[in-house]
Protein backbone atom coordinates (compact mmCIF):
# COMPACT_ATOMS: atom_id res chain seq x y z
CA MET A 1 -28.77 -83.01 -48.52
CA ALA A 2 -31.67 -80.47 -49.00
CA VAL A 3 -34.53 -80.16 -51.33
CA THR A 4 -34.18 -76.86 -53.31
CA GLY A 5 -30.51 -76.04 -53.35
CA SER A 6 -27.05 -77.57 -54.09
CA VAL A 7 -23.92 -76.04 -52.49
CA LEU A 8 -20.22 -76.94 -52.69
CA GLY A 9 -18.04 -76.03 -49.72
CA LEU A 10 -14.42 -76.33 -50.57
CA GLY A 11 -11.16 -75.29 -49.27
CA ARG A 12 -7.78 -74.07 -50.49
CA GLY A 13 -5.57 -73.78 -47.38
CA ASN A 14 -7.24 -72.52 -44.22
CA LYS A 15 -9.28 -69.66 -45.78
CA PRO A 16 -12.96 -70.21 -46.39
CA SER A 17 -13.91 -69.94 -50.02
CA SER A 18 -17.06 -70.36 -52.14
CA MET A 19 -18.44 -71.39 -55.46
CA PRO A 20 -21.75 -72.46 -57.01
CA GLY A 21 -22.76 -76.04 -56.68
CA TYR A 22 -23.09 -75.88 -60.46
CA PRO A 23 -23.38 -73.10 -62.95
CA GLY A 24 -26.27 -70.74 -62.26
CA ARG A 25 -25.96 -70.51 -58.44
CA SER A 26 -23.47 -68.74 -56.26
CA ASP A 27 -22.92 -69.72 -52.69
CA ALA A 28 -19.98 -69.40 -50.28
CA LEU A 29 -18.15 -71.81 -47.97
CA PRO A 30 -14.91 -73.15 -46.14
CA PRO A 31 -12.08 -75.56 -45.90
CA GLU A 32 -10.82 -78.79 -47.34
CA ALA A 33 -13.83 -80.55 -48.77
CA TYR A 34 -17.33 -80.09 -49.91
CA GLU A 35 -20.89 -80.76 -48.90
CA ILE A 36 -23.58 -81.63 -51.42
CA ARG A 37 -27.26 -80.65 -51.37
CA PRO A 38 -28.81 -81.90 -54.65
CA ARG A 39 -31.04 -79.29 -56.24
CA ILE A 40 -34.09 -81.49 -56.82
CA ARG A 41 -37.00 -82.78 -54.82
CA LEU A 42 -35.59 -86.18 -53.93
CA LEU A 43 -36.07 -86.27 -50.14
CA SER A 44 -39.66 -87.48 -50.20
CA LEU A 45 -38.88 -90.33 -52.42
CA LEU A 46 -35.63 -91.28 -50.69
CA LYS A 47 -37.49 -91.25 -47.35
CA ALA A 48 -40.49 -93.25 -48.66
CA LYS A 49 -40.89 -96.87 -47.62
CA VAL A 50 -42.19 -99.76 -49.66
CA PRO A 51 -44.96 -100.24 -50.59
CA TYR A 52 -45.24 -96.61 -51.75
CA SER A 53 -48.99 -96.84 -52.14
CA ASP A 54 -49.16 -97.06 -48.29
CA ASP A 55 -46.69 -94.20 -47.67
CA PRO A 56 -48.55 -90.84 -47.16
CA GLN A 57 -45.36 -88.85 -47.88
CA ALA A 58 -44.78 -90.60 -51.14
CA ARG A 59 -48.45 -90.22 -52.22
CA LYS A 60 -48.24 -86.50 -51.32
CA TYR A 61 -45.16 -86.13 -53.39
CA ILE A 62 -46.58 -88.00 -56.36
CA THR A 63 -49.64 -85.71 -56.31
CA GLU A 64 -47.61 -82.45 -56.04
CA SER A 65 -44.70 -83.30 -58.29
CA LYS A 66 -44.41 -81.35 -61.54
CA CYS A 67 -42.66 -84.35 -63.00
CA LEU A 68 -44.66 -87.53 -63.64
CA VAL A 69 -43.84 -90.16 -60.93
CA ILE A 70 -44.93 -93.73 -61.34
CA GLU A 71 -44.46 -96.98 -59.42
CA LYS A 72 -42.40 -99.51 -61.42
CA ASN A 73 -41.31 -102.90 -60.12
CA GLY A 74 -41.98 -101.84 -56.53
CA LYS A 75 -40.01 -98.60 -56.78
CA LEU A 76 -40.94 -95.01 -57.68
CA ARG A 77 -39.52 -93.64 -60.89
CA TYR A 78 -39.54 -90.36 -62.74
CA GLU A 79 -41.00 -90.84 -66.23
CA ILE A 80 -39.10 -88.66 -68.73
CA ASP A 81 -40.14 -88.22 -72.30
CA THR A 82 -37.18 -87.34 -74.43
CA GLY A 83 -39.25 -87.06 -77.54
CA GLU A 84 -37.71 -90.23 -78.96
CA GLU A 85 -38.41 -92.56 -76.08
CA LYS A 86 -39.69 -92.71 -72.47
CA LYS A 87 -37.07 -93.23 -69.76
CA PHE A 88 -37.76 -94.24 -66.20
CA VAL A 89 -35.21 -92.81 -63.77
CA SER A 90 -35.01 -93.55 -60.01
CA PRO A 91 -34.34 -90.92 -57.39
CA GLU A 92 -30.96 -92.61 -56.75
CA ASP A 93 -30.09 -92.19 -60.51
CA VAL A 94 -30.94 -88.49 -60.29
CA ALA A 95 -28.78 -88.09 -57.13
CA ARG A 96 -25.93 -89.79 -58.89
CA LEU A 97 -26.13 -87.45 -61.81
CA ILE A 98 -26.25 -84.46 -59.59
CA PHE A 99 -23.24 -85.73 -57.62
CA SER A 100 -21.43 -86.28 -60.96
CA LYS A 101 -22.05 -82.58 -61.90
CA MET A 102 -20.79 -81.48 -58.47
CA LYS A 103 -17.64 -83.45 -58.91
CA GLU A 104 -17.01 -81.82 -62.32
CA THR A 105 -17.41 -78.42 -60.71
CA ALA A 106 -15.11 -79.27 -57.90
CA HIS A 107 -12.43 -80.66 -60.16
CA SER A 108 -12.56 -77.48 -62.28
CA VAL A 109 -11.50 -75.45 -59.29
CA LEU A 110 -9.44 -77.79 -57.12
CA GLY A 111 -8.12 -80.32 -59.61
CA SER A 112 -8.75 -84.00 -60.25
CA ASP A 113 -7.79 -85.20 -56.83
CA ALA A 114 -10.67 -83.36 -55.06
CA ASN A 115 -12.75 -86.38 -54.31
CA ASP A 116 -13.34 -86.42 -50.54
CA VAL A 117 -16.84 -85.39 -49.50
CA VAL A 118 -18.97 -85.11 -46.41
CA ILE A 119 -22.79 -85.19 -47.08
CA THR A 120 -25.43 -83.82 -44.77
CA VAL A 121 -28.88 -85.34 -44.42
CA PRO A 122 -32.02 -84.49 -42.43
CA PHE A 123 -32.20 -85.85 -38.96
CA ASP A 124 -35.01 -88.18 -39.87
CA PHE A 125 -33.08 -89.95 -42.60
CA GLY A 126 -32.95 -93.75 -41.91
CA GLU A 127 -29.97 -95.99 -42.53
CA LYS A 128 -31.43 -97.20 -45.86
CA GLN A 129 -31.82 -93.68 -47.10
CA LYS A 130 -28.32 -92.73 -45.95
CA SER A 131 -26.93 -95.79 -47.68
CA ALA A 132 -28.75 -94.96 -50.92
CA LEU A 133 -27.42 -91.48 -50.86
CA GLY A 134 -23.88 -92.60 -50.06
CA GLU A 135 -23.91 -95.20 -52.81
CA ALA A 136 -25.08 -92.49 -55.29
CA ALA A 137 -22.17 -90.34 -54.32
CA ARG A 138 -19.60 -93.16 -54.56
CA ALA A 139 -21.11 -94.12 -57.99
CA ALA A 140 -20.30 -90.53 -59.07
CA GLY A 141 -16.69 -91.00 -58.03
CA PHE A 142 -16.72 -89.35 -54.58
CA ASN A 143 -14.95 -90.72 -51.58
CA VAL A 144 -17.59 -90.45 -48.91
CA LEU A 145 -15.90 -89.62 -45.62
CA ARG A 146 -19.03 -89.44 -43.63
CA LEU A 147 -22.78 -88.63 -43.64
CA ILE A 148 -23.81 -86.28 -40.83
CA HIS A 149 -27.09 -84.79 -39.71
CA GLU A 150 -27.94 -81.27 -40.58
CA PRO A 151 -28.24 -79.94 -36.94
CA SER A 152 -24.75 -81.22 -36.11
CA ALA A 153 -23.36 -79.57 -39.23
CA ALA A 154 -24.95 -76.26 -38.18
CA LEU A 155 -23.28 -76.40 -34.76
CA LEU A 156 -19.93 -77.21 -36.36
CA ALA A 157 -20.27 -74.22 -38.64
CA TYR A 158 -20.23 -71.84 -35.67
CA GLY A 159 -17.65 -73.87 -33.75
CA ILE A 160 -20.05 -74.71 -30.97
CA GLY A 161 -18.47 -77.17 -28.62
CA GLN A 162 -15.22 -77.08 -30.63
CA ASP A 163 -13.68 -73.84 -29.63
CA SER A 164 -14.69 -74.15 -26.00
CA PRO A 165 -13.49 -77.61 -24.66
CA THR A 166 -15.45 -77.59 -21.47
CA GLY A 167 -18.92 -76.67 -20.46
CA LYS A 168 -22.42 -77.68 -21.22
CA SER A 169 -24.95 -75.86 -23.22
CA ASN A 170 -28.38 -76.19 -24.94
CA ILE A 171 -28.72 -74.98 -28.56
CA LEU A 172 -31.78 -74.58 -30.65
CA VAL A 173 -31.22 -75.18 -34.40
CA PHE A 174 -33.91 -73.52 -36.55
CA LYS A 175 -33.85 -74.66 -40.12
CA LEU A 176 -36.42 -73.29 -42.57
CA GLY A 177 -35.60 -74.78 -45.98
CA GLY A 178 -37.38 -74.82 -49.20
CA THR A 179 -40.18 -77.21 -48.40
CA SER A 180 -39.95 -78.02 -44.68
CA LEU A 181 -39.22 -76.56 -41.29
CA SER A 182 -36.98 -78.53 -38.96
CA ILE A 183 -36.24 -77.57 -35.36
CA SER A 184 -33.85 -79.37 -33.02
CA VAL A 185 -32.79 -78.84 -29.45
CA MET A 186 -29.25 -79.93 -29.04
CA GLU A 187 -27.16 -80.56 -25.87
CA VAL A 188 -23.47 -79.83 -26.31
CA ASN A 189 -21.21 -81.36 -23.68
CA SER A 190 -17.42 -81.24 -24.24
CA GLY A 191 -17.72 -81.37 -27.96
CA ILE A 192 -20.31 -84.11 -28.00
CA TYR A 193 -23.67 -83.27 -29.71
CA ARG A 194 -26.83 -84.89 -28.43
CA VAL A 195 -30.29 -84.35 -29.93
CA LEU A 196 -32.81 -83.82 -27.07
CA SER A 197 -35.87 -83.18 -29.31
CA THR A 198 -36.63 -82.56 -32.90
CA ASN A 199 -39.62 -81.80 -35.13
CA THR A 200 -40.05 -81.52 -38.83
CA ASP A 201 -43.08 -79.87 -40.53
CA ASN A 202 -43.35 -80.54 -44.29
CA ASN A 203 -46.14 -77.97 -44.50
CA ILE A 204 -43.99 -74.89 -43.89
CA GLY A 205 -41.17 -73.94 -46.13
CA GLY A 206 -39.67 -71.30 -48.41
CA THR A 207 -42.00 -72.34 -51.27
CA HIS A 208 -45.10 -71.72 -49.07
CA PHE A 209 -43.92 -68.12 -48.59
CA THR A 210 -43.35 -67.81 -52.24
CA GLU A 211 -46.78 -69.33 -53.11
CA THR A 212 -48.51 -66.89 -50.72
CA LEU A 213 -46.80 -63.95 -52.51
CA ALA A 214 -47.63 -65.45 -55.94
CA GLN A 215 -51.30 -65.67 -54.98
CA TYR A 216 -51.25 -62.01 -54.02
CA LEU A 217 -49.59 -61.05 -57.32
CA ALA A 218 -52.26 -63.10 -59.20
CA SER A 219 -54.94 -61.22 -57.43
CA GLU A 220 -53.32 -57.89 -58.27
CA PHE A 221 -53.16 -58.98 -62.01
CA GLN A 222 -56.76 -59.90 -61.88
CA ARG A 223 -57.66 -56.54 -60.28
CA SER A 224 -55.77 -54.69 -63.03
CA PHE A 225 -56.64 -56.69 -66.04
CA ARG A 226 -59.79 -58.61 -65.12
CA HIS A 227 -58.14 -61.99 -65.87
CA ASP A 228 -57.74 -64.74 -63.31
CA VAL A 229 -54.61 -66.59 -64.14
CA ARG A 230 -54.65 -69.01 -61.22
CA GLY A 231 -55.79 -71.83 -63.51
CA ASN A 232 -53.06 -71.17 -66.08
CA ALA A 233 -50.00 -73.25 -65.29
CA ARG A 234 -47.60 -71.23 -67.44
CA ALA A 235 -48.70 -67.89 -65.94
CA MET A 236 -48.54 -69.22 -62.42
CA MET A 237 -45.03 -70.60 -62.98
CA LYS A 238 -43.96 -67.14 -64.04
CA LEU A 239 -45.58 -65.60 -61.12
CA MET A 240 -43.88 -68.11 -58.81
CA ASN A 241 -40.49 -67.17 -60.29
CA GLY A 242 -41.22 -63.49 -59.91
CA ALA A 243 -42.51 -63.98 -56.37
CA ASP A 244 -39.41 -65.90 -55.43
CA THR A 245 -37.10 -63.13 -56.70
CA ALA A 246 -39.14 -60.54 -54.90
CA LYS A 247 -39.08 -62.54 -51.65
CA HIS A 248 -35.26 -62.69 -51.77
CA SER A 249 -35.08 -58.96 -52.44
CA LEU A 250 -37.37 -58.12 -49.46
CA SER A 251 -34.85 -59.78 -47.18
CA THR A 252 -32.54 -56.73 -47.64
CA LEU A 253 -34.80 -54.06 -49.20
CA GLY A 254 -37.97 -52.31 -48.00
CA SER A 255 -39.79 -53.00 -51.35
CA ALA A 256 -39.30 -55.11 -54.44
CA ASN A 257 -40.46 -54.72 -58.04
CA CYS A 258 -41.91 -57.71 -59.88
CA PHE A 259 -42.01 -57.25 -63.67
CA LEU A 260 -43.16 -60.11 -65.79
CA ASP A 261 -43.04 -59.86 -69.55
CA SER A 262 -46.23 -61.16 -71.36
CA LEU A 263 -47.68 -62.83 -68.32
CA TYR A 264 -51.09 -63.61 -69.92
CA GLU A 265 -52.40 -63.03 -73.39
CA GLY A 266 -49.59 -60.62 -74.15
CA GLN A 267 -50.17 -58.50 -71.05
CA ASP A 268 -47.09 -57.38 -69.12
CA PHE A 269 -47.32 -57.27 -65.39
CA ASP A 270 -45.52 -54.65 -63.23
CA CYS A 271 -46.13 -54.64 -59.49
CA ASN A 272 -44.32 -53.23 -56.43
CA VAL A 273 -44.42 -55.15 -53.17
CA SER A 274 -43.46 -53.64 -49.87
CA ARG A 275 -41.91 -55.59 -47.09
CA ALA A 276 -44.81 -54.61 -44.82
CA ARG A 277 -47.25 -56.17 -47.30
CA PHE A 278 -45.18 -59.35 -47.57
CA GLU A 279 -45.04 -59.69 -43.78
CA LEU A 280 -48.80 -59.15 -43.51
CA LEU A 281 -49.51 -61.79 -46.09
CA CYS A 282 -47.20 -64.31 -44.49
CA SER A 283 -48.15 -63.63 -40.90
CA PRO A 284 -49.92 -67.00 -40.51
CA LEU A 285 -46.79 -68.80 -41.61
CA PHE A 286 -44.59 -66.84 -39.25
CA ASN A 287 -46.94 -67.77 -36.42
CA LYS A 288 -46.72 -71.41 -37.37
CA CYS A 289 -42.92 -71.29 -37.19
CA ILE A 290 -42.94 -69.78 -33.67
CA GLU A 291 -45.57 -72.32 -32.59
CA ALA A 292 -43.32 -75.04 -33.84
CA ILE A 293 -40.49 -73.73 -31.72
CA ARG A 294 -42.73 -73.69 -28.67
CA GLU A 295 -43.73 -77.29 -29.32
CA VAL A 296 -40.07 -78.57 -29.57
CA LEU A 297 -39.21 -76.74 -26.28
CA GLU A 298 -42.16 -78.38 -24.62
CA GLN A 299 -40.97 -81.77 -25.92
CA SER A 300 -37.58 -81.27 -24.40
CA GLY A 301 -38.98 -79.95 -21.15
CA PHE A 302 -37.26 -76.62 -21.64
CA THR A 303 -38.32 -73.02 -21.55
CA ALA A 304 -36.79 -70.23 -23.65
CA ASP A 305 -34.55 -69.39 -20.68
CA ASP A 306 -32.89 -72.77 -20.86
CA ILE A 307 -31.55 -72.21 -24.35
CA ASN A 308 -28.09 -70.70 -24.52
CA LYS A 309 -27.94 -70.06 -28.34
CA VAL A 310 -30.17 -70.17 -31.36
CA VAL A 311 -28.68 -71.14 -34.72
CA LEU A 312 -30.41 -70.07 -37.94
CA CYS A 313 -30.01 -72.09 -41.07
CA GLY A 314 -31.94 -72.63 -44.32
CA GLY A 315 -32.41 -69.86 -46.88
CA SER A 316 -35.79 -68.83 -45.77
CA SER A 317 -34.62 -67.98 -42.25
CA ARG A 318 -33.12 -64.81 -43.82
CA ILE A 319 -36.60 -63.19 -43.61
CA PRO A 320 -36.17 -60.16 -41.21
CA ARG A 321 -39.60 -60.44 -39.64
CA LEU A 322 -39.09 -64.07 -38.79
CA GLN A 323 -35.66 -63.36 -37.27
CA GLN A 324 -37.27 -60.57 -35.08
CA MET A 325 -40.02 -62.91 -33.92
CA ILE A 326 -37.41 -65.46 -32.85
CA ARG A 327 -35.47 -62.73 -31.04
CA ASP A 328 -38.58 -61.75 -29.25
CA LEU A 329 -39.19 -65.39 -28.13
CA PHE A 330 -35.53 -65.68 -26.89
CA PRO A 331 -34.79 -62.05 -25.69
CA ALA A 332 -31.77 -63.11 -23.55
CA VAL A 333 -30.28 -65.57 -26.05
CA GLU A 334 -27.55 -65.06 -28.66
CA LEU A 335 -28.99 -65.51 -32.13
CA LEU A 336 -26.39 -66.81 -34.51
CA ASN A 337 -26.90 -65.57 -38.02
CA SER A 338 -23.58 -64.04 -39.07
CA ILE A 339 -23.14 -66.83 -41.57
CA PRO A 340 -25.58 -66.68 -44.52
CA PRO A 341 -28.27 -69.22 -43.38
CA ASP A 342 -28.30 -71.18 -46.61
CA GLU A 343 -24.54 -71.70 -46.26
CA VAL A 344 -24.45 -72.78 -42.54
CA ILE A 345 -24.93 -76.47 -43.05
CA PRO A 346 -22.49 -76.75 -46.01
CA ILE A 347 -19.91 -74.92 -43.91
CA GLY A 348 -20.39 -77.32 -41.09
CA ALA A 349 -20.01 -80.32 -43.46
CA ALA A 350 -16.79 -78.77 -44.91
CA ILE A 351 -15.37 -78.33 -41.40
CA GLU A 352 -16.19 -81.93 -40.54
CA ALA A 353 -14.45 -82.97 -43.75
CA GLY A 354 -11.43 -80.91 -42.77
CA ILE A 355 -11.29 -82.72 -39.49
CA LEU A 356 -11.51 -86.15 -41.12
CA ILE A 357 -9.32 -85.40 -44.12
CA GLY A 358 -6.23 -86.35 -42.19
CA LYS A 359 -7.26 -89.95 -42.01
CA GLU A 360 -6.06 -92.14 -44.83
CA SER A 361 -9.06 -94.44 -44.65
CA LEU A 362 -12.42 -94.69 -43.04
CA SER A 363 -14.41 -97.81 -42.18
CA VAL A 364 -17.82 -98.39 -40.66
CA GLU A 365 -16.06 -98.94 -37.32
CA ASP A 366 -14.73 -95.38 -37.58
CA ALA A 367 -18.17 -93.96 -37.59
CA LEU A 368 -19.33 -96.06 -34.67
CA GLN A 369 -16.34 -95.94 -32.33
CA ILE A 370 -15.29 -92.50 -31.03
CA GLU A 371 -11.62 -92.20 -30.02
CA CYS A 372 -10.99 -89.86 -26.99
CA SER A 373 -8.00 -88.22 -25.57
CA ALA A 374 -6.63 -90.11 -22.56
CA LYS A 375 -5.09 -87.16 -20.72
CA ASP A 376 -5.46 -83.43 -20.46
CA ILE A 377 -3.29 -81.37 -22.95
CA LEU A 378 -2.44 -77.99 -21.65
CA VAL A 379 -0.58 -74.90 -22.86
CA LYS A 380 1.61 -72.95 -20.51
CA GLY A 381 1.32 -69.24 -20.22
CA VAL A 382 2.23 -66.33 -17.91
CA ASP A 383 -0.39 -64.32 -16.03
CA GLU A 384 -0.20 -60.62 -15.28
CA SER A 385 1.86 -61.18 -12.12
CA GLY A 386 4.43 -63.15 -13.99
CA ALA A 387 3.43 -66.51 -12.56
CA ASN A 388 2.96 -69.56 -14.67
CA SER A 389 -0.55 -70.38 -15.72
CA PHE A 390 -1.96 -73.45 -17.55
CA LYS A 391 -4.84 -73.56 -20.02
CA VAL A 392 -6.48 -76.76 -20.89
CA LEU A 393 -6.70 -77.19 -24.67
CA PHE A 394 -7.99 -80.80 -24.80
CA PRO A 395 -9.59 -82.22 -21.55
CA SER A 396 -9.20 -85.91 -21.08
CA GLY A 397 -12.09 -87.69 -22.73
CA THR A 398 -12.26 -85.20 -25.72
CA PRO A 399 -13.62 -87.01 -28.79
CA LEU A 400 -10.92 -87.16 -31.49
CA PRO A 401 -10.14 -85.71 -33.97
CA ALA A 402 -10.61 -82.33 -32.40
CA ARG A 403 -9.53 -78.72 -32.93
CA ARG A 404 -8.97 -75.90 -30.48
CA GLN A 405 -8.06 -72.18 -30.75
CA HIS A 406 -6.34 -70.13 -28.10
CA THR A 407 -4.77 -66.67 -27.96
CA LEU A 408 -1.52 -66.13 -26.02
CA GLN A 409 -0.53 -62.77 -24.71
CA ALA A 410 3.07 -61.94 -25.38
CA PRO A 411 4.16 -59.03 -23.11
CA GLY A 412 6.18 -56.20 -24.73
CA SER A 413 9.01 -56.83 -22.26
CA ILE A 414 10.18 -60.02 -23.98
CA SER A 415 12.14 -60.48 -27.22
CA SER A 416 11.24 -64.05 -28.04
CA VAL A 417 8.44 -66.51 -27.37
CA CYS A 418 8.65 -70.23 -26.64
CA LEU A 419 5.47 -72.32 -26.48
CA GLU A 420 5.31 -75.24 -23.96
CA LEU A 421 2.66 -77.92 -24.16
CA TYR A 422 1.98 -80.44 -21.29
CA GLU A 423 -0.10 -83.41 -20.59
CA SER A 424 -1.50 -84.50 -17.23
CA GLU A 425 -4.08 -86.88 -15.81
CA GLY A 426 -6.28 -83.79 -15.00
CA LYS A 427 -6.48 -84.69 -11.30
CA ASN A 428 -3.82 -82.48 -9.80
CA SER A 429 -2.29 -79.08 -10.35
CA ALA A 430 0.59 -78.16 -12.71
CA LYS A 431 3.12 -79.49 -10.19
CA VAL A 432 2.67 -82.99 -11.39
CA GLU A 433 2.34 -82.20 -15.02
CA ASN A 434 4.74 -83.86 -17.41
CA LYS A 435 6.17 -81.76 -20.21
CA PHE A 436 4.53 -83.02 -23.41
CA ALA A 437 6.46 -80.85 -25.90
CA GLN A 438 8.40 -77.65 -26.14
CA TYR A 439 9.35 -75.70 -29.17
CA SER A 440 10.04 -72.26 -30.38
CA CYS A 441 6.98 -71.24 -32.30
CA ILE A 442 7.97 -67.74 -33.41
CA SER A 443 10.43 -67.11 -36.21
CA THR A 444 13.53 -64.86 -35.97
CA ALA A 445 11.71 -62.11 -37.87
CA LEU A 446 8.88 -62.27 -35.34
CA CYS A 447 11.23 -62.18 -32.50
CA ALA A 448 12.72 -59.02 -33.80
CA ASN A 449 9.20 -57.57 -34.05
CA LEU A 450 8.59 -58.44 -30.41
CA LEU A 451 11.87 -56.74 -29.50
CA ASP A 452 10.54 -53.57 -31.19
CA ASN A 453 7.42 -54.01 -29.03
CA LYS A 454 9.70 -53.88 -25.98
CA VAL A 455 10.68 -50.36 -26.84
CA SER A 456 7.04 -49.21 -27.41
CA GLY A 457 5.73 -51.19 -24.39
CA ARG A 458 3.14 -52.95 -26.51
CA GLY A 459 2.40 -56.64 -26.42
CA ASN A 460 1.49 -59.12 -29.05
CA ASP A 461 -1.36 -61.52 -29.46
CA ILE A 462 -0.15 -64.99 -30.59
CA TYR A 463 -2.96 -67.01 -32.14
CA LEU A 464 -2.61 -70.73 -31.46
CA PHE A 465 -4.42 -73.33 -33.52
CA ALA A 466 -4.19 -77.05 -32.36
CA LYS A 467 -5.45 -80.16 -33.99
CA CYS A 468 -5.32 -83.51 -32.27
CA GLN A 469 -5.66 -86.54 -34.50
CA VAL A 470 -7.19 -89.82 -33.68
CA ASP A 471 -3.75 -91.42 -33.36
CA GLY A 472 -2.85 -88.92 -30.64
CA SER A 473 -0.55 -86.78 -32.73
CA LEU A 474 -0.81 -83.01 -32.34
CA HIS A 475 -0.44 -80.37 -35.02
CA VAL A 476 0.08 -76.84 -33.69
CA THR A 477 0.24 -73.59 -35.62
CA CYS A 478 1.15 -70.23 -34.06
CA THR A 479 0.60 -66.96 -35.81
CA ASP A 480 1.44 -63.45 -34.80
CA GLN A 481 -1.77 -61.45 -35.10
CA GLU A 482 0.02 -58.26 -36.10
CA THR A 483 2.46 -59.38 -38.74
CA GLY A 484 0.75 -62.60 -39.85
CA LYS A 485 3.97 -64.55 -39.58
CA CYS A 486 3.50 -68.14 -38.31
CA GLU A 487 5.28 -71.28 -37.32
CA ALA A 488 3.89 -74.86 -37.25
CA ILE A 489 5.02 -78.15 -35.80
CA THR A 490 3.56 -81.75 -35.53
CA ILE A 491 4.16 -83.60 -32.37
CA GLU A 492 4.08 -87.41 -33.06
CA VAL A 493 2.94 -89.98 -30.51
CA ALA A 494 5.75 -91.24 -28.42
CA SER A 495 6.67 -94.77 -29.30
């Protein structure tokens, strides 16, 4: 759940797809479920503690909110004047209404049985806030599979710790959202995510960049027309909207035009803003972001050299200058930004839902107890010398459910392929391995294709996708990369 956006990640088959969270916004995402981020400023109220008068965050929100917020019966409410009567709506009520709209949108695309959902929340969300959000989603008709933290969802989106079953790495997750900056240092060890340090700054966010640009536009209007519109709420709202549009354009263009019809007293406003000007105006904000990264590294006892990867998420992390400054801070580290930053967390939530979707029911115990694989699960291959080789897909102790990917090399000298899976205690070599399963994974048509390869001398890459469920069953899909033909099998647990 975020402050300024709502995104649905949903899946039809194994191919990632996208759609707006609700009409008016277009965002893209992947398989088998959706993640919700209500498009309204609810976080401050949901995080607030009673009594609200003693909560600095709640007081700050009440002061800044464009909607009247009052305390009624010990709880904060939005006061809404419909013209006929005044209504008092709680943050939970608003969340429920947004979830209901999300559900309608999902049903319009996937059908009426699309009710499973994974929801992401900020790392500092407490159990009461998670419970309130979960109840709002259930009241809207969703089946809440799980609530996960945003940094974990970001790692899932890039398959960190999922595609590589072994090894240990340190990942920095940089999330610059609409109203806050969150930075987390995560340790990834055999698919387990552990937060080493985290920090949230509610004084840096996308709206602060927009406000900075809007103030510049106001000064330009004053310079041209001798009118200061900073005290005019209507004019400043139009400037904020124009600045926000220009800010997004400057992420991909060298300059952006801001044209506002009848901004003040009938005067139209037309102004071009260069990316260089925007970067100069926002330089103090960029520096604050970099300083926040340094503080989190210091908290965890790390230096930039100790970080293996940096994940960017949150719409405002699209800003090119900010990305370059982060690259300069981590010159030898891979910066992961291939997924649009505002879609990273929803994608991770959808992937988590895809993993959980095979379970018929989930209880509180499911969220607390982690099932792990008891033995190594290996796939047999052949090396360049023709000798047998074994690749560990799921090491013993792998948290379940889990997914793995592997590419098999099929030499051009063979006319068929047979995949063999084994299990072992992981203590000895392949000599003591017990065959776990064996099946022909390539269809007759694919065998013929491989036979043709024998003539040309070319080999084939066989893409293997394996999913191990909590009950120990294993689902394996093999696909020929060249033809796209595939075979699948489910290996049930031996009774």
